[in-house]
Amino acid sequence: MRSGRNGSTFGTFMIIGTAVAGFSSFVYRLFGDTIPSVFWMHLKEAGAALIMLAVFVFAVAWLLKAKPHNAILSRSLISLDKSSILRA
């Protein structure tokens, strides 16, 4: 059985099979190694940024909670002794 004028069916299948195998290898390499490694690099950076953001928010919350909000502006000391209690 011949395919075309001068080619054989086996030769045609070999060329098509080689092309399909080569393209499959390229696609496997692209989606198996290249794309995940690029995304993993960006995901690691995003994860590190989220951790740093969480640390920063925790530190700011701690500082806001530690700061006295209602500080007394003037203080006075009242001394009580027996004579002041008896006079009143």
C-alpha atoms as a PDB file:
ATOM      1  CA  MET A   1       0.000   0.000   0.000  1.00  0.00           C
ATOM      2  CA  ARG A   2       1.517   3.276  -1.072  1.00  0.00           C
ATOM      3  CA  SER A   3       0.830   6.767   0.180  1.00  0.00           C
ATOM      4  CA  GLY A   4       1.235   9.578  -2.320  1.00  0.00           C
ATOM      5  CA  ARG A   5       3.413   9.169  -5.383  1.00  0.00           C
ATOM      6  CA  ASN A   6       6.743   7.940  -4.087  1.00  0.00           C
ATOM      7  CA  GLY A   7       6.373   7.578  -0.283  1.00  0.00           C
ATOM      8  CA  SER A   8       5.444   4.565   1.765  1.00  0.00           C
ATOM      9  CA  THR A   9       2.780   4.364   4.460  1.00  0.00           C
ATOM     10  CA  PHE A  10       5.381   3.309   7.027  1.00  0.00           C
ATOM     11  CA  GLY A  11       7.554   6.342   6.316  1.00  0.00           C
ATOM     12  CA  THR A  12       4.574   8.665   6.621  1.00  0.00           C
ATOM     13  CA  PHE A  13       3.613   7.133   9.971  1.00  0.00           C
ATOM     14  CA  MET A  14       7.216   7.450  11.188  1.00  0.00           C
ATOM     15  CA  ILE A  15       7.365  11.141  10.301  1.00  0.00           C
ATOM     16  CA  ILE A  16       3.990  11.875  11.899  1.00  0.00           C
ATOM     17  CA  GLY A  17       4.827   9.741  14.955  1.00  0.00           C
ATOM     18  CA  THR A  18       8.174  11.485  15.425  1.00  0.00           C
ATOM     19  CA  ALA A  19       6.523  14.895  15.117  1.00  0.00           C
ATOM     20  CA  VAL A  20       3.822  13.949  17.639  1.00  0.00           C
ATOM     21  CA  ALA A  21       6.391  12.503  20.075  1.00  0.00           C
ATOM     22  CA  GLY A  22       8.599  15.581  19.767  1.00  0.00           C
ATOM     23  CA  PHE A  23       5.683  17.955  20.302  1.00  0.00           C
ATOM     24  CA  SER A  24       4.434  15.863  23.240  1.00  0.00           C
ATOM     25  CA  SER A  25       7.880  16.015  24.823  1.00  0.00           C
ATOM     26  CA  PHE A  26       7.940  19.795  24.376  1.00  0.00           C
ATOM     27  CA  VAL A  27       4.478  20.213  25.896  1.00  0.00           C
ATOM     28  CA  TYR A  28       5.333  17.856  28.777  1.00  0.00           C
ATOM     29  CA  ARG A  29       8.527  19.812  29.511  1.00  0.00           C
ATOM     30  CA  LEU A  30       6.669  23.130  29.282  1.00  0.00           C
ATOM     31  CA  PHE A  31       3.780  22.228  31.559  1.00  0.00           C
ATOM     32  CA  GLY A  32       5.763  19.822  33.763  1.00  0.00           C
ATOM     33  CA  ASP A  33       8.857  21.867  34.562  1.00  0.00           C
ATOM     34  CA  THR A  34       8.960  25.387  33.179  1.00  0.00           C
ATOM     35  CA  ILE A  35       5.536  26.792  34.045  1.00  0.00           C
ATOM     36  CA  PRO A  36       5.324  25.311  37.590  1.00  0.00           C
ATOM     37  CA  SER A  37       8.842  26.491  38.440  1.00  0.00           C
ATOM     38  CA  VAL A  38       8.003  30.040  37.326  1.00  0.00           C
ATOM     39  CA  PHE A  39       4.737  30.054  39.276  1.00  0.00           C
ATOM     40  CA  TRP A  40       6.423  28.455  42.327  1.00  0.00           C
ATOM     41  CA  MET A  41       8.991  31.250  42.379  1.00  0.00           C
ATOM     42  CA  HIS A  42       6.229  33.879  42.422  1.00  0.00           C
ATOM     43  CA  LEU A  43       4.150  31.955  44.963  1.00  0.00           C
ATOM     44  CA  LYS A  44       7.152  31.751  47.308  1.00  0.00           C
ATOM     45  CA  GLU A  45       7.611  35.515  47.037  1.00  0.00           C
ATOM     46  CA  ALA A  46       3.893  36.116  47.667  1.00  0.00           C
ATOM     47  CA  GLY A  47       3.983  33.800  50.688  1.00  0.00           C
ATOM     48  CA  ALA A  48       6.976  35.619  52.125  1.00  0.00           C
ATOM     49  CA  ALA A  49       5.197  38.947  51.586  1.00  0.00           C
ATOM     50  CA  LEU A  50       2.086  37.669  53.392  1.00  0.00           C
ATOM     51  CA  ILE A  51       4.168  36.490  56.344  1.00  0.00           C
ATOM     52  CA  MET A  52       5.940  39.858  56.560  1.00  0.00           C
ATOM     53  CA  LEU A  53       2.583  41.642  56.363  1.00  0.00           C
ATOM     54  CA  ALA A  54       1.229  39.497  59.207  1.00  0.00           C
ATOM     55  CA  VAL A  55       4.285  40.281  61.347  1.00  0.00           C
ATOM     56  CA  PHE A  56       3.916  44.002  60.625  1.00  0.00           C
ATOM     57  CA  VAL A  57       0.184  44.009  61.484  1.00  0.00           C
ATOM     58  CA  PHE A  58       0.912  42.101  64.706  1.00  0.00           C
ATOM     59  CA  ALA A  59       3.634  44.586  65.705  1.00  0.00           C
ATOM     60  CA  VAL A  60       1.410  47.614  64.996  1.00  0.00           C
ATOM     61  CA  ALA A  61      -1.489  46.070  66.930  1.00  0.00           C
ATOM     62  CA  TRP A  62       0.822  45.332  69.849  1.00  0.00           C
ATOM     63  CA  LEU A  63       2.145  48.892  69.889  1.00  0.00           C
ATOM     64  CA  LEU A  64      -1.366  50.378  69.734  1.00  0.00           C
ATOM     65  CA  LYS A  65      -2.513  48.169  72.590  1.00  0.00           C
ATOM     66  CA  ALA A  66       0.570  48.933  74.698  1.00  0.00           C
ATOM     67  CA  LYS A  67       0.201  52.725  74.339  1.00  0.00           C
ATOM     68  CA  PRO A  68      -1.781  54.300  77.200  1.00  0.00           C
ATOM     69  CA  HIS A  69      -4.923  55.808  75.683  1.00  0.00           C
ATOM     70  CA  ASN A  70      -6.339  57.754  78.637  1.00  0.00           C
ATOM     71  CA  ALA A  71      -3.314  59.237  80.335  1.00  0.00           C
ATOM     72  CA  ILE A  72      -4.022  61.426  83.393  1.00  0.00           C
ATOM     73  CA  LEU A  73      -2.703  64.915  82.732  1.00  0.00           C
ATOM     74  CA  SER A  74      -2.540  66.225  86.303  1.00  0.00           C
ATOM     75  CA  ARG A  75      -2.036  64.218  89.425  1.00  0.00           C
ATOM     76  CA  SER A  76      -2.636  65.282  92.984  1.00  0.00           C
ATOM     77  CA  LEU A  77      -1.870  63.544  96.222  1.00  0.00           C
ATOM     78  CA  ILE A  78      -4.387  63.769  99.031  1.00  0.00           C
ATOM     79  CA  SER A  79      -3.026  62.910 102.398  1.00  0.00           C
ATOM     80  CA  LEU A  80      -5.490  61.728 105.003  1.00  0.00           C
ATOM     81  CA  ASP A  81      -4.642  61.838 108.669  1.00  0.00           C
ATOM     82  CA  LYS A  82      -6.692  61.760 111.844  1.00  0.00           C
ATOM     83  CA  SER A  83      -6.971  65.502 112.238  1.00  0.00           C
ATOM     84  CA  SER A  84      -8.301  66.094 108.682  1.00  0.00           C
ATOM     85  CA  ILE A  85     -10.893  63.373 109.117  1.00  0.00           C
ATOM     86  CA  LEU A  86     -12.073  64.735 112.471  1.00  0.00           C
ATOM     87  CA  ARG A  87     -12.353  68.319 111.135  1.00  0.00           C
ATOM     88  CA  ALA A  88     -14.525  67.394 108.229  1.00  0.00           C
END
